[in-house]
PDB file of N, CA and C in Angstrom:
ATOM      1  N   MET A   1     -15.916 -14.113   3.101  1.00  0.00           N
ATOM      2  CA  MET A   1     -14.840 -13.882   2.168  1.00  0.00           C
ATOM      3  C   MET A   1     -14.058 -15.191   2.026  1.00  0.00           C
ATOM      4  N   ASN A   2     -13.873 -15.617   0.780  1.00  0.00           N
ATOM      5  CA  ASN A   2     -13.167 -16.876   0.581  1.00  0.00           C
ATOM      6  C   ASN A   2     -11.652 -16.662   0.651  1.00  0.00           C
ATOM      7  N   LYS A   3     -10.939 -17.775   0.573  1.00  0.00           N
ATOM      8  CA  LYS A   3      -9.493 -17.744   0.775  1.00  0.00           C
ATOM      9  C   LYS A   3      -8.767 -16.918  -0.286  1.00  0.00           C
ATOM     10  N   LYS A   4      -9.239 -16.972  -1.542  1.00  0.00           N
ATOM     11  CA  LYS A   4      -8.589 -16.224  -2.609  1.00  0.00           C
ATOM     12  C   LYS A   4      -8.676 -14.720  -2.351  1.00  0.00           C
ATOM     13  N   HIS A   5      -9.840 -14.244  -1.922  1.00  0.00           N
ATOM     14  CA  HIS A   5     -10.000 -12.828  -1.627  1.00  0.00           C
ATOM     15  C   HIS A   5      -9.156 -12.414  -0.431  1.00  0.00           C
ATOM     16  N   GLN A   6      -9.062 -13.286   0.566  1.00  0.00           N
ATOM     17  CA  GLN A   6      -8.234 -12.983   1.727  1.00  0.00           C
ATOM     18  C   GLN A   6      -6.770 -12.842   1.323  1.00  0.00           C
ATOM     19  N   GLN A   7      -6.313 -13.734   0.430  1.00  0.00           N
ATOM     20  CA  GLN A   7      -4.924 -13.663  -0.023  1.00  0.00           C
ATOM     21  C   GLN A   7      -4.675 -12.399  -0.837  1.00  0.00           C
ATOM     22  N   ASN A   8      -5.630 -12.024  -1.678  1.00  0.00           N
ATOM     23  CA  ASN A   8      -5.471 -10.806  -2.477  1.00  0.00           C
ATOM     24  C   ASN A   8      -5.386  -9.571  -1.595  1.00  0.00           C
ATOM     25  N   VAL A   9      -6.238  -9.499  -0.589  1.00  0.00           N
ATOM     26  CA  VAL A   9      -6.223  -8.351   0.326  1.00  0.00           C
ATOM     27  C   VAL A   9      -4.921  -8.338   1.124  1.00  0.00           C
ATOM     28  N   ALA A  10      -4.463  -9.502   1.557  1.00  0.00           N
ATOM     29  CA  ALA A  10      -3.210  -9.585   2.321  1.00  0.00           C
ATOM     30  C   ALA A  10      -2.021  -9.163   1.463  1.00  0.00           C
ATOM     31  N   MET A  11      -1.980  -9.580   0.213  1.00  0.00           N
ATOM     32  CA  MET A  11      -0.880  -9.201  -0.666  1.00  0.00           C
ATOM     33  C   MET A  11      -0.887  -7.703  -0.960  1.00  0.00           C
ATOM     34  N   LEU A  12      -2.069  -7.134  -1.159  1.00  0.00           N
ATOM     35  CA  LEU A  12      -2.182  -5.694  -1.386  1.00  0.00           C
ATOM     36  C   LEU A  12      -1.700  -4.930  -0.162  1.00  0.00           C
ATOM     37  N   PHE A  13      -2.074  -5.403   1.015  1.00  0.00           N
ATOM     38  CA  PHE A  13      -1.648  -4.756   2.251  1.00  0.00           C
ATOM     39  C   PHE A  13      -0.132  -4.849   2.428  1.00  0.00           C
ATOM     40  N   LEU A  14       0.435  -6.027   2.196  1.00  0.00           N
ATOM     41  CA  LEU A  14       1.878  -6.200   2.367  1.00  0.00           C
ATOM     42  C   LEU A  14       2.673  -5.380   1.347  1.00  0.00           C
ATOM     43  N   ALA A  15       2.186  -5.315   0.119  1.00  0.00           N
ATOM     44  CA  ALA A  15       2.868  -4.502  -0.891  1.00  0.00           C
ATOM     45  C   ALA A  15       2.849  -3.032  -0.489  1.00  0.00           C
ATOM     46  N   SER A  16       1.735  -2.565   0.024  1.00  0.00           N
ATOM     47  CA  SER A  16       1.639  -1.178   0.470  1.00  0.00           C
ATOM     48  C   SER A  16       2.554  -0.917   1.660  1.00  0.00           C
ATOM     49  N   LEU A  17       2.597  -1.865   2.566  1.00  0.00           N
ATOM     50  CA  LEU A  17       3.448  -1.717   3.746  1.00  0.00           C
ATOM     51  C   LEU A  17       4.924  -1.694   3.368  1.00  0.00           C
ATOM     52  N   LEU A  18       5.324  -2.563   2.449  1.00  0.00           N
ATOM     53  CA  LEU A  18       6.722  -2.592   2.015  1.00  0.00           C
ATOM     54  C   LEU A  18       7.093  -1.340   1.241  1.00  0.00           C
ATOM     55  N   THR A  19       6.165  -0.804   0.451  1.00  0.00           N
ATOM     56  CA  THR A  19       6.425   0.439  -0.268  1.00  0.00           C
ATOM     57  C   THR A  19       6.598   1.593   0.716  1.00  0.00           C
ATOM     58  N   LEU A  20       5.768   1.631   1.736  1.00  0.00           N
ATOM     59  CA  LEU A  20       5.898   2.669   2.754  1.00  0.00           C
ATOM     60  C   LEU A  20       7.223   2.539   3.494  1.00  0.00           C
ATOM     61  N   THR A  21       7.606   1.315   3.816  1.00  0.00           N
ATOM     62  CA  THR A  21       8.883   1.080   4.497  1.00  0.00           C
ATOM     63  C   THR A  21      10.050   1.537   3.629  1.00  0.00           C
ATOM     64  N   ALA A  22      10.000   1.219   2.348  1.00  0.00           N
ATOM     65  CA  ALA A  22      11.078   1.630   1.440  1.00  0.00           C
ATOM     66  C   ALA A  22      11.155   3.149   1.348  1.00  0.00           C
ATOM     67  N   SER A  23      10.006   3.808   1.326  1.00  0.00           N
ATOM     68  CA  SER A  23      10.030   5.273   1.228  1.00  0.00           C
ATOM     69  C   SER A  23      10.586   5.917   2.493  1.00  0.00           C
ATOM     70  N   ARG A  24      10.404   5.281   3.623  1.00  0.00           N
ATOM     71  CA  ARG A  24      10.921   5.829   4.877  1.00  0.00           C
ATOM     72  C   ARG A  24      12.409   5.546   5.032  1.00  0.00           C
ATOM     73  N   ILE A  25      12.920   4.482   4.421  1.00  0.00           N
ATOM     74  CA  ILE A  25      14.334   4.117   4.542  1.00  0.00           C
ATOM     75  C   ILE A  25      15.220   5.022   3.698  1.00  0.00           C
ATOM     76  N   ILE A  26      14.689   5.494   2.553  1.00  0.00           N
ATOM     77  CA  ILE A  26      15.480   6.313   1.641  1.00  0.00           C
ATOM     78  C   ILE A  26      15.880   7.621   2.334  1.00  0.00           C
ATOM     79  N   HIS A  27      17.172   7.926   2.284  1.00  0.00           N
ATOM     80  CA  HIS A  27      17.672   9.197   2.808  1.00  0.00           C
ATOM     81  C   HIS A  27      17.899  10.134   1.637  1.00  0.00           C
ATOM     82  N   SER A  28      17.250  11.277   1.655  1.00  0.00           N
ATOM     83  CA  SER A  28      17.344  12.181   0.517  1.00  0.00           C
ATOM     84  C   SER A  28      18.630  13.011   0.532  1.00  0.00           C
ATOM     85  N   ASN A  29      19.116  13.367   1.690  1.00  0.00           N
ATOM     86  CA  ASN A  29      20.315  14.197   1.832  1.00  0.00           C
ATOM     87  C   ASN A  29      20.247  15.462   0.973  1.00  0.00           C
ATOM     88  N   GLY A  30      19.053  16.028   0.847  1.00  0.00           N
ATOM     89  CA  GLY A  30      18.885  17.269   0.109  1.00  0.00           C
ATOM     90  C   GLY A  30      18.716  17.106  -1.390  1.00  0.00           C
ATOM     91  N   SER A  31      18.733  15.878  -1.886  1.00  0.00           N
ATOM     92  CA  SER A  31      18.602  15.636  -3.319  1.00  0.00           C
ATOM     93  C   SER A  31      17.136  15.772  -3.741  1.00  0.00           C
ATOM     94  N   THR A  32      16.902  16.560  -4.767  1.00  0.00           N
ATOM     95  CA  THR A  32      15.543  16.765  -5.256  1.00  0.00           C
ATOM     96  C   THR A  32      14.974  15.477  -5.840  1.00  0.00           C
ATOM     97  N   LEU A  33      15.799  14.729  -6.559  1.00  0.00           N
ATOM     98  CA  LEU A  33      15.346  13.477  -7.162  1.00  0.00           C
ATOM     99  C   LEU A  33      14.954  12.457  -6.092  1.00  0.00           C
ATOM    100  N   MET A  34      15.739  12.361  -5.033  1.00  0.00           N
ATOM    101  CA  MET A  34      15.423  11.402  -3.968  1.00  0.00           C
ATOM    102  C   MET A  34      14.180  11.848  -3.198  1.00  0.00           C
ATOM    103  N   ASP A  35      13.995  13.148  -3.018  1.00  0.00           N
ATOM    104  CA  ASP A  35      12.769  13.654  -2.398  1.00  0.00           C
ATOM    105  C   ASP A  35      11.549  13.297  -3.251  1.00  0.00           C
ATOM    106  N   PHE A  36      11.695  13.438  -4.560  1.00  0.00           N
ATOM    107  CA  PHE A  36      10.618  13.098  -5.482  1.00  0.00           C
ATOM    108  C   PHE A  36      10.293  11.603  -5.407  1.00  0.00           C
ATOM    109  N   ALA A  37      11.328  10.761  -5.426  1.00  0.00           N
ATOM    110  CA  ALA A  37      11.126   9.306  -5.349  1.00  0.00           C
ATOM    111  C   ALA A  37      10.467   8.927  -4.023  1.00  0.00           C
ATOM    112  N   GLN A  38      10.882   9.565  -2.950  1.00  0.00           N
ATOM    113  CA  GLN A  38      10.300   9.297  -1.637  1.00  0.00           C
ATOM    114  C   GLN A  38       8.829   9.699  -1.621  1.00  0.00           C
ATOM    115  N   GLY A  39       8.489  10.816  -2.233  1.00  0.00           N
ATOM    116  CA  GLY A  39       7.102  11.260  -2.300  1.00  0.00           C
ATOM    117  C   GLY A  39       6.241  10.331  -3.141  1.00  0.00           C
ATOM    118  N   ILE A  40       6.779   9.872  -4.260  1.00  0.00           N
ATOM    119  CA  ILE A  40       6.039   8.932  -5.114  1.00  0.00           C
ATOM    120  C   ILE A  40       5.774   7.632  -4.367  1.00  0.00           C
ATOM    121  N   LEU A  41       6.782   7.099  -3.692  1.00  0.00           N
ATOM    122  CA  LEU A  41       6.606   5.848  -2.945  1.00  0.00           C
ATOM    123  C   LEU A  41       5.603   6.016  -1.801  1.00  0.00           C
ATOM    124  N   THR A  42       5.660   7.145  -1.118  1.00  0.00           N
ATOM    125  CA  THR A  42       4.709   7.395  -0.040  1.00  0.00           C
ATOM    126  C   THR A  42       3.289   7.499  -0.585  1.00  0.00           C
ATOM    127  N   GLY A  43       3.123   8.197  -1.694  1.00  0.00           N
ATOM    128  CA  GLY A  43       1.799   8.297  -2.316  1.00  0.00           C
ATOM    129  C   GLY A  43       1.264   6.953  -2.769  1.00  0.00           C
ATOM    130  N   MET A  44       2.135   6.135  -3.350  1.00  0.00           N
ATOM    131  CA  MET A  44       1.710   4.795  -3.779  1.00  0.00           C
ATOM    132  C   MET A  44       1.261   3.948  -2.590  1.00  0.00           C
ATOM    133  N   SER A  45       1.965   4.073  -1.479  1.00  0.00           N
ATOM    134  CA  SER A  45       1.595   3.271  -0.309  1.00  0.00           C
ATOM    135  C   SER A  45       0.276   3.742   0.289  1.00  0.00           C
ATOM    136  N   ILE A  46       0.023   5.045   0.275  1.00  0.00           N
ATOM    137  CA  ILE A  46      -1.253   5.558   0.787  1.00  0.00           C
ATOM    138  C   ILE A  46      -2.406   5.078  -0.078  1.00  0.00           C
ATOM    139  N   VAL A  47      -2.232   5.149  -1.392  1.00  0.00           N
ATOM    140  CA  VAL A  47      -3.272   4.659  -2.306  1.00  0.00           C
ATOM    141  C   VAL A  47      -3.489   3.166  -2.107  1.00  0.00           C
ATOM    142  N   GLY A  48      -2.421   2.413  -1.920  1.00  0.00           N
ATOM    143  CA  GLY A  48      -2.543   0.969  -1.682  1.00  0.00           C
ATOM    144  C   GLY A  48      -3.294   0.653  -0.403  1.00  0.00           C
ATOM    145  N   MET A  49      -3.046   1.427   0.652  1.00  0.00           N
ATOM    146  CA  MET A  49      -3.754   1.205   1.913  1.00  0.00           C
ATOM    147  C   MET A  49      -5.246   1.515   1.770  1.00  0.00           C
ATOM    148  N   VAL A  50      -5.564   2.592   1.046  1.00  0.00           N
ATOM    149  CA  VAL A  50      -6.972   2.934   0.818  1.00  0.00           C
ATOM    150  C   VAL A  50      -7.648   1.840  -0.004  1.00  0.00           C
ATOM    151  N   LEU A  51      -6.963   1.347  -1.041  1.00  0.00           N
ATOM    152  CA  LEU A  51      -7.522   0.254  -1.840  1.00  0.00           C
ATOM    153  C   LEU A  51      -7.705  -1.014  -1.015  1.00  0.00           C
ATOM    154  N   THR A  52      -6.790  -1.260  -0.088  1.00  0.00           N
ATOM    155  CA  THR A  52      -6.927  -2.427   0.796  1.00  0.00           C
ATOM    156  C   THR A  52      -8.201  -2.321   1.623  1.00  0.00           C
ATOM    157  N   ILE A  53      -8.443  -1.156   2.191  1.00  0.00           N
ATOM    158  CA  ILE A  53      -9.638  -0.955   3.016  1.00  0.00           C
ATOM    159  C   ILE A  53     -10.902  -1.098   2.175  1.00  0.00           C
ATOM    160  N   VAL A  54     -10.907  -0.492   0.990  1.00  0.00           N
ATOM    161  CA  VAL A  54     -12.082  -0.569   0.115  1.00  0.00           C
ATOM    162  C   VAL A  54     -12.329  -1.998  -0.336  1.00  0.00           C
ATOM    163  N   THR A  55     -11.281  -2.701  -0.747  1.00  0.00           N
ATOM    164  CA  THR A  55     -11.421  -4.085  -1.204  1.00  0.00           C
ATOM    165  C   THR A  55     -11.891  -4.990  -0.078  1.00  0.00           C
ATOM    166  N   PHE A  56     -11.328  -4.816   1.107  1.00  0.00           N
ATOM    167  CA  PHE A  56     -11.745  -5.627   2.242  1.00  0.00           C
ATOM    168  C   PHE A  56     -13.211  -5.385   2.569  1.00  0.00           C
ATOM    169  N   GLY A  57     -13.621  -4.131   2.587  1.00  0.00           N
ATOM    170  CA  GLY A  57     -15.023  -3.808   2.884  1.00  0.00           C
ATOM    171  C   GLY A  57     -15.957  -4.341   1.838  1.00  0.00           C
ATOM    172  N   ARG A  58     -15.589  -4.219   0.568  1.00  0.00           N
ATOM    173  CA  ARG A  58     -16.438  -4.697  -0.518  1.00  0.00           C
ATOM    174  C   ARG A  58     -16.593  -6.213  -0.475  1.00  0.00           C
ATOM    175  N   ASN A  59     -15.485  -6.926  -0.256  1.00  0.00           N
ATOM    176  CA  ASN A  59     -15.549  -8.391  -0.191  1.00  0.00           C
ATOM    177  C   ASN A  59     -16.273  -8.862   1.061  1.00  0.00           C
ATOM    178  N   ASN A  60     -16.082  -8.142   2.157  1.00  0.00           N
ATOM    179  CA  ASN A  60     -16.760  -8.513   3.401  1.00  0.00           C
ATOM    180  C   ASN A  60     -18.279  -8.300   3.273  1.00  0.00           C
ATOM    181  N   LYS A  61     -18.666  -7.233   2.599  1.00  0.00           N
ATOM    182  CA  LYS A  61     -20.093  -6.949   2.417  1.00  0.00           C
ATOM    183  C   LYS A  61     -20.749  -7.992   1.532  1.00  0.00           C
ATOM    184  N   ARG A  62     -20.050  -8.441   0.477  1.00  0.00           N
ATOM    185  CA  ARG A  62     -20.597  -9.456  -0.426  1.00  0.00           C
ATOM    186  C   ARG A  62     -20.767 -10.816   0.243  1.00  0.00           C
ATOM    187  N   SER A  63     -19.883 -11.122   1.203  1.00  0.00           N
ATOM    188  CA  SER A  63     -19.939 -12.438   1.830  1.00  0.00           C
ATOM    189  C   SER A  63     -21.060 -12.566   2.859  1.00  0.00           C
ATOM    190  N   GLN A  64     -21.662 -11.438   3.261  1.00  0.00           N
ATOM    191  CA  GLN A  64     -22.719 -11.511   4.276  1.00  0.00           C
ATOM    192  C   GLN A  64     -24.049 -11.789   3.673  1.00  0.00           C
TER     193      GLN A  64
END
């Protein structure tokens, strides 16, 4: 895997991690809108983590 692919995978991972962190920091205090926003952010971070794993595996397989 070349340096560009490594940077892309690292950025995808960090974006997913920061989204997950933001979703955990939000306090809903019973608000339906904040619960919804927290759920959307959590879902986005899960999808980002799955894409990170798939992208890393695909790039790693191509480099061999």
